[in-house]
Amino acid sequence: MSRTTYTCHCGAVIQYNHDLEKEPGTVSRNWNCADCGTRVPNTIAERIQHQHPS
């Protein structure tokens, strides 16, 4: 399986769990870029959540 990456509007490459922040106070999972706070699409974020640097 290939790795999923996402390039945020701020230019950050999101590819691991530590690159994401869960949006507080929401019932459903909403993920944001850890650098700028821009929302990351849920389907992409869920894939990235399972990736670990190795």
PDB file of N, CA and C in Angstrom:
ATOM      1  N   MET A   1       0.846  -1.178   0.000  1.00  0.00           N
ATOM      2  CA  MET A   1       0.000   0.000   0.000  1.00  0.00           C
ATOM      3  C   MET A   1       0.894   1.245   0.000  1.00  0.00           C
ATOM      4  N   SER A   2       0.562   2.191  -0.813  1.00  0.00           N
ATOM      5  CA  SER A   2       1.360   3.408  -0.890  1.00  0.00           C
ATOM      6  C   SER A   2       0.972   4.373   0.231  1.00  0.00           C
ATOM      7  N   ARG A   3       1.892   5.239   0.572  1.00  0.00           N
ATOM      8  CA  ARG A   3       1.643   6.228   1.617  1.00  0.00           C
ATOM      9  C   ARG A   3       0.773   7.355   1.075  1.00  0.00           C
ATOM     10  N   THR A   4      -0.110   7.843   1.927  1.00  0.00           N
ATOM     11  CA  THR A   4      -0.962   8.973   1.583  1.00  0.00           C
ATOM     12  C   THR A   4      -0.302  10.243   2.093  1.00  0.00           C
ATOM     13  N   THR A   5      -0.233  11.248   1.254  1.00  0.00           N
ATOM     14  CA  THR A   5       0.260  12.557   1.674  1.00  0.00           C
ATOM     15  C   THR A   5      -0.731  13.610   1.220  1.00  0.00           C
ATOM     16  N   TYR A   6      -0.699  14.737   1.897  1.00  0.00           N
ATOM     17  CA  TYR A   6      -1.579  15.852   1.559  1.00  0.00           C
ATOM     18  C   TYR A   6      -0.768  17.128   1.713  1.00  0.00           C
ATOM     19  N   THR A   7      -0.808  17.991   0.717  1.00  0.00           N
ATOM     20  CA  THR A   7      -0.114  19.268   0.798  1.00  0.00           C
ATOM     21  C   THR A   7      -1.126  20.348   1.147  1.00  0.00           C
ATOM     22  N   CYS A   8      -0.921  20.966   2.291  1.00  0.00           N
ATOM     23  CA  CYS A   8      -1.817  22.002   2.796  1.00  0.00           C
ATOM     24  C   CYS A   8      -1.626  23.299   2.007  1.00  0.00           C
ATOM     25  N   HIS A   9      -2.565  24.211   2.161  1.00  0.00           N
ATOM     26  CA  HIS A   9      -2.476  25.518   1.500  1.00  0.00           C
ATOM     27  C   HIS A   9      -1.252  26.309   1.962  1.00  0.00           C
ATOM     28  N   CYS A  10      -0.799  26.043   3.195  1.00  0.00           N
ATOM     29  CA  CYS A  10       0.369  26.763   3.720  1.00  0.00           C
ATOM     30  C   CYS A  10       1.680  26.180   3.204  1.00  0.00           C
ATOM     31  N   GLY A  11       1.600  25.044   2.493  1.00  0.00           N
ATOM     32  CA  GLY A  11       2.789  24.422   1.938  1.00  0.00           C
ATOM     33  C   GLY A  11       3.304  23.242   2.743  1.00  0.00           C
ATOM     34  N   ALA A  12       2.728  22.985   3.913  1.00  0.00           N
ATOM     35  CA  ALA A  12       3.157  21.859   4.740  1.00  0.00           C
ATOM     36  C   ALA A  12       2.721  20.548   4.095  1.00  0.00           C
ATOM     37  N   VAL A  13       3.611  19.566   4.118  1.00  0.00           N
ATOM     38  CA  VAL A  13       3.275  18.235   3.619  1.00  0.00           C
ATOM     39  C   VAL A  13       2.843  17.401   4.813  1.00  0.00           C
ATOM     40  N   ILE A  14       1.600  16.962   4.794  1.00  0.00           N
ATOM     41  CA  ILE A  14       1.034  16.181   5.894  1.00  0.00           C
ATOM     42  C   ILE A  14       1.097  14.718   5.492  1.00  0.00           C
ATOM     43  N   GLN A  15       1.866  13.938   6.270  1.00  0.00           N
ATOM     44  CA  GLN A  15       1.991  12.524   5.935  1.00  0.00           C
ATOM     45  C   GLN A  15       1.951  11.606   7.148  1.00  0.00           C
ATOM     46  N   TYR A  16       2.010  12.163   8.362  1.00  0.00           N
ATOM     47  CA  TYR A  16       1.981  11.345   9.572  1.00  0.00           C
ATOM     48  C   TYR A  16       1.008  11.929  10.586  1.00  0.00           C
ATOM     49  N   ASN A  17       0.671  11.113  11.578  1.00  0.00           N
ATOM     50  CA  ASN A  17      -0.276  11.487  12.618  1.00  0.00           C
ATOM     51  C   ASN A  17       0.113  12.796  13.314  1.00  0.00           C
ATOM     52  N   HIS A  18       1.396  12.999  13.566  1.00  0.00           N
ATOM     53  CA  HIS A  18       1.822  14.202  14.292  1.00  0.00           C
ATOM     54  C   HIS A  18       1.699  15.478  13.453  1.00  0.00           C
ATOM     55  N   ASP A  19       1.398  15.348  12.172  1.00  0.00           N
ATOM     56  CA  ASP A  19       1.185  16.515  11.312  1.00  0.00           C
ATOM     57  C   ASP A  19      -0.257  17.017  11.380  1.00  0.00           C
ATOM     58  N   LEU A  20      -1.116  16.287  12.099  1.00  0.00           N
ATOM     59  CA  LEU A  20      -2.535  16.623  12.207  1.00  0.00           C
ATOM     60  C   LEU A  20      -2.899  16.993  13.636  1.00  0.00           C
ATOM     61  N   GLU A  21      -3.935  17.821  13.777  1.00  0.00           N
ATOM     62  CA  GLU A  21      -4.507  18.135  15.081  1.00  0.00           C
ATOM     63  C   GLU A  21      -6.008  17.923  14.995  1.00  0.00           C
ATOM     64  N   LYS A  22      -6.573  17.260  16.010  1.00  0.00           N
ATOM     65  CA  LYS A  22      -8.018  17.052  16.044  1.00  0.00           C
ATOM     66  C   LYS A  22      -8.679  18.354  16.475  1.00  0.00           C
ATOM     67  N   GLU A  23      -9.741  18.715  15.771  1.00  0.00           N
ATOM     68  CA  GLU A  23     -10.464  19.937  16.102  1.00  0.00           C
ATOM     69  C   GLU A  23     -11.252  19.704  17.391  1.00  0.00           C
ATOM     70  N   PRO A  24     -11.011  20.501  18.423  1.00  0.00           N
ATOM     71  CA  PRO A  24     -11.692  20.283  19.708  1.00  0.00           C
ATOM     72  C   PRO A  24     -13.167  20.681  19.654  1.00  0.00           C
ATOM     73  N   GLY A  25     -13.964  20.016  20.483  1.00  0.00           N
ATOM     74  CA  GLY A  25     -15.361  20.390  20.639  1.00  0.00           C
ATOM     75  C   GLY A  25     -16.284  19.939  19.536  1.00  0.00           C
ATOM     76  N   THR A  26     -15.856  18.985  18.721  1.00  0.00           N
ATOM     77  CA  THR A  26     -16.724  18.498  17.658  1.00  0.00           C
ATOM     78  C   THR A  26     -17.094  17.050  17.927  1.00  0.00           C
ATOM     79  N   VAL A  27     -18.304  16.679  17.526  1.00  0.00           N
ATOM     80  CA  VAL A  27     -18.765  15.310  17.713  1.00  0.00           C
ATOM     81  C   VAL A  27     -18.074  14.391  16.714  1.00  0.00           C
ATOM     82  N   SER A  28     -18.073  14.788  15.448  1.00  0.00           N
ATOM     83  CA  SER A  28     -17.376  13.997  14.439  1.00  0.00           C
ATOM     84  C   SER A  28     -15.906  14.411  14.421  1.00  0.00           C
ATOM     85  N   ARG A  29     -15.087  13.570  13.844  1.00  0.00           N
ATOM     86  CA  ARG A  29     -13.657  13.874  13.786  1.00  0.00           C
ATOM     87  C   ARG A  29     -13.379  14.865  12.671  1.00  0.00           C
ATOM     88  N   ASN A  30     -12.860  16.004  13.039  1.00  0.00           N
ATOM     89  CA  ASN A  30     -12.401  16.992  12.077  1.00  0.00           C
ATOM     90  C   ASN A  30     -10.928  17.219  12.345  1.00  0.00           C
ATOM     91  N   TRP A  31     -10.117  17.114  11.303  1.00  0.00           N
ATOM     92  CA  TRP A  31      -8.674  17.216  11.444  1.00  0.00           C
ATOM     93  C   TRP A  31      -8.164  18.473  10.766  1.00  0.00           C
ATOM     94  N   ASN A  32      -7.182  19.108  11.404  1.00  0.00           N
ATOM     95  CA  ASN A  32      -6.585  20.333  10.887  1.00  0.00           C
ATOM     96  C   ASN A  32      -5.085  20.158  10.731  1.00  0.00           C
ATOM     97  N   CYS A  33      -4.512  20.967   9.864  1.00  0.00           N
ATOM     98  CA  CYS A  33      -3.062  21.026   9.699  1.00  0.00           C
ATOM     99  C   CYS A  33      -2.453  21.522  11.010  1.00  0.00           C
ATOM    100  N   ALA A  34      -1.421  20.853  11.495  1.00  0.00           N
ATOM    101  CA  ALA A  34      -0.782  21.248  12.754  1.00  0.00           C
ATOM    102  C   ALA A  34      -0.034  22.574  12.614  1.00  0.00           C
ATOM    103  N   ASP A  35       0.351  22.951  11.398  1.00  0.00           N
ATOM    104  CA  ASP A  35       1.105  24.194  11.196  1.00  0.00           C
ATOM    105  C   ASP A  35       0.216  25.428  11.145  1.00  0.00           C
ATOM    106  N   CYS A  36      -0.881  25.351  10.373  1.00  0.00           N
ATOM    107  CA  CYS A  36      -1.680  26.566  10.163  1.00  0.00           C
ATOM    108  C   CYS A  36      -3.132  26.452  10.621  1.00  0.00           C
ATOM    109  N   GLY A  37      -3.616  25.235  10.894  1.00  0.00           N
ATOM    110  CA  GLY A  37      -4.982  25.070  11.371  1.00  0.00           C
ATOM    111  C   GLY A  37      -6.027  24.909  10.284  1.00  0.00           C
ATOM    112  N   THR A  38      -5.616  24.828   9.026  1.00  0.00           N
ATOM    113  CA  THR A  38      -6.555  24.630   7.925  1.00  0.00           C
ATOM    114  C   THR A  38      -7.098  23.207   7.975  1.00  0.00           C
ATOM    115  N   ARG A  39      -8.392  23.048   7.727  1.00  0.00           N
ATOM    116  CA  ARG A  39      -9.010  21.723   7.775  1.00  0.00           C
ATOM    117  C   ARG A  39      -8.477  20.827   6.663  1.00  0.00           C
ATOM    118  N   VAL A  40      -8.209  19.581   7.037  1.00  0.00           N
ATOM    119  CA  VAL A  40      -7.765  18.546   6.104  1.00  0.00           C
ATOM    120  C   VAL A  40      -8.980  17.669   5.808  1.00  0.00           C
ATOM    121  N   PRO A  41      -9.219  17.308   4.545  1.00  0.00           N
ATOM    122  CA  PRO A  41     -10.369  16.452   4.227  1.00  0.00           C
ATOM    123  C   PRO A  41     -10.357  15.168   5.066  1.00  0.00           C
ATOM    124  N   ASN A  42     -11.531  14.788   5.587  1.00  0.00           N
ATOM    125  CA  ASN A  42     -11.626  13.645   6.496  1.00  0.00           C
ATOM    126  C   ASN A  42     -11.111  12.345   5.890  1.00  0.00           C
ATOM    127  N   THR A  43     -11.394  12.090   4.622  1.00  0.00           N
ATOM    128  CA  THR A  43     -10.946  10.830   4.020  1.00  0.00           C
ATOM    129  C   THR A  43      -9.424  10.747   3.984  1.00  0.00           C
ATOM    130  N   ILE A  44      -8.777  11.860   3.690  1.00  0.00           N
ATOM    131  CA  ILE A  44      -7.310  11.902   3.670  1.00  0.00           C
ATOM    132  C   ILE A  44      -6.769  11.775   5.089  1.00  0.00           C
ATOM    133  N   ALA A  45      -7.353  12.510   6.027  1.00  0.00           N
ATOM    134  CA  ALA A  45      -6.880  12.500   7.415  1.00  0.00           C
ATOM    135  C   ALA A  45      -7.001  11.114   8.037  1.00  0.00           C
ATOM    136  N   GLU A  46      -8.073  10.400   7.757  1.00  0.00           N
ATOM    137  CA  GLU A  46      -8.248   9.061   8.323  1.00  0.00           C
ATOM    138  C   GLU A  46      -7.175   8.104   7.807  1.00  0.00           C
ATOM    139  N   ARG A  47      -6.795   8.230   6.556  1.00  0.00           N
ATOM    140  CA  ARG A  47      -5.713   7.393   6.016  1.00  0.00           C
ATOM    141  C   ARG A  47      -4.385   7.737   6.680  1.00  0.00           C
ATOM    142  N   ILE A  48      -4.125   9.035   6.840  1.00  0.00           N
ATOM    143  CA  ILE A  48      -2.863   9.483   7.431  1.00  0.00           C
ATOM    144  C   ILE A  48      -2.769   9.065   8.896  1.00  0.00           C
ATOM    145  N   GLN A  49      -3.883   9.005   9.600  1.00  0.00           N
ATOM    146  CA  GLN A  49      -3.891   8.610  11.009  1.00  0.00           C
ATOM    147  C   GLN A  49      -3.257   7.243  11.233  1.00  0.00           C
ATOM    148  N   HIS A  50      -3.306   6.374  10.245  1.00  0.00           N
ATOM    149  CA  HIS A  50      -2.784   5.015  10.388  1.00  0.00           C
ATOM    150  C   HIS A  50      -1.339   4.886   9.924  1.00  0.00           C
ATOM    151  N   GLN A  51      -0.727   5.973   9.496  1.00  0.00           N
ATOM    152  CA  GLN A  51       0.657   5.945   9.026  1.00  0.00           C
ATOM    153  C   GLN A  51       1.590   6.391  10.142  1.00  0.00           C
ATOM    154  N   HIS A  52       2.684   5.677  10.284  1.00  0.00           N
ATOM    155  CA  HIS A  52       3.673   6.001  11.305  1.00  0.00           C
ATOM    156  C   HIS A  52       5.045   6.065  10.649  1.00  0.00           C
ATOM    157  N   PRO A  53       5.867   7.031  11.044  1.00  0.00           N
ATOM    158  CA  PRO A  53       7.221   7.074  10.483  1.00  0.00           C
ATOM    159  C   PRO A  53       8.011   5.850  10.940  1.00  0.00           C
ATOM    160  N   SER A  54       8.686   5.222  10.021  1.00  0.00           N
ATOM    161  CA  SER A  54       9.476   4.049  10.412  1.00  0.00           C
ATOM    162  C   SER A  54      10.782   3.997   9.659  1.00  0.00           C
TER     163      SER A  54
END
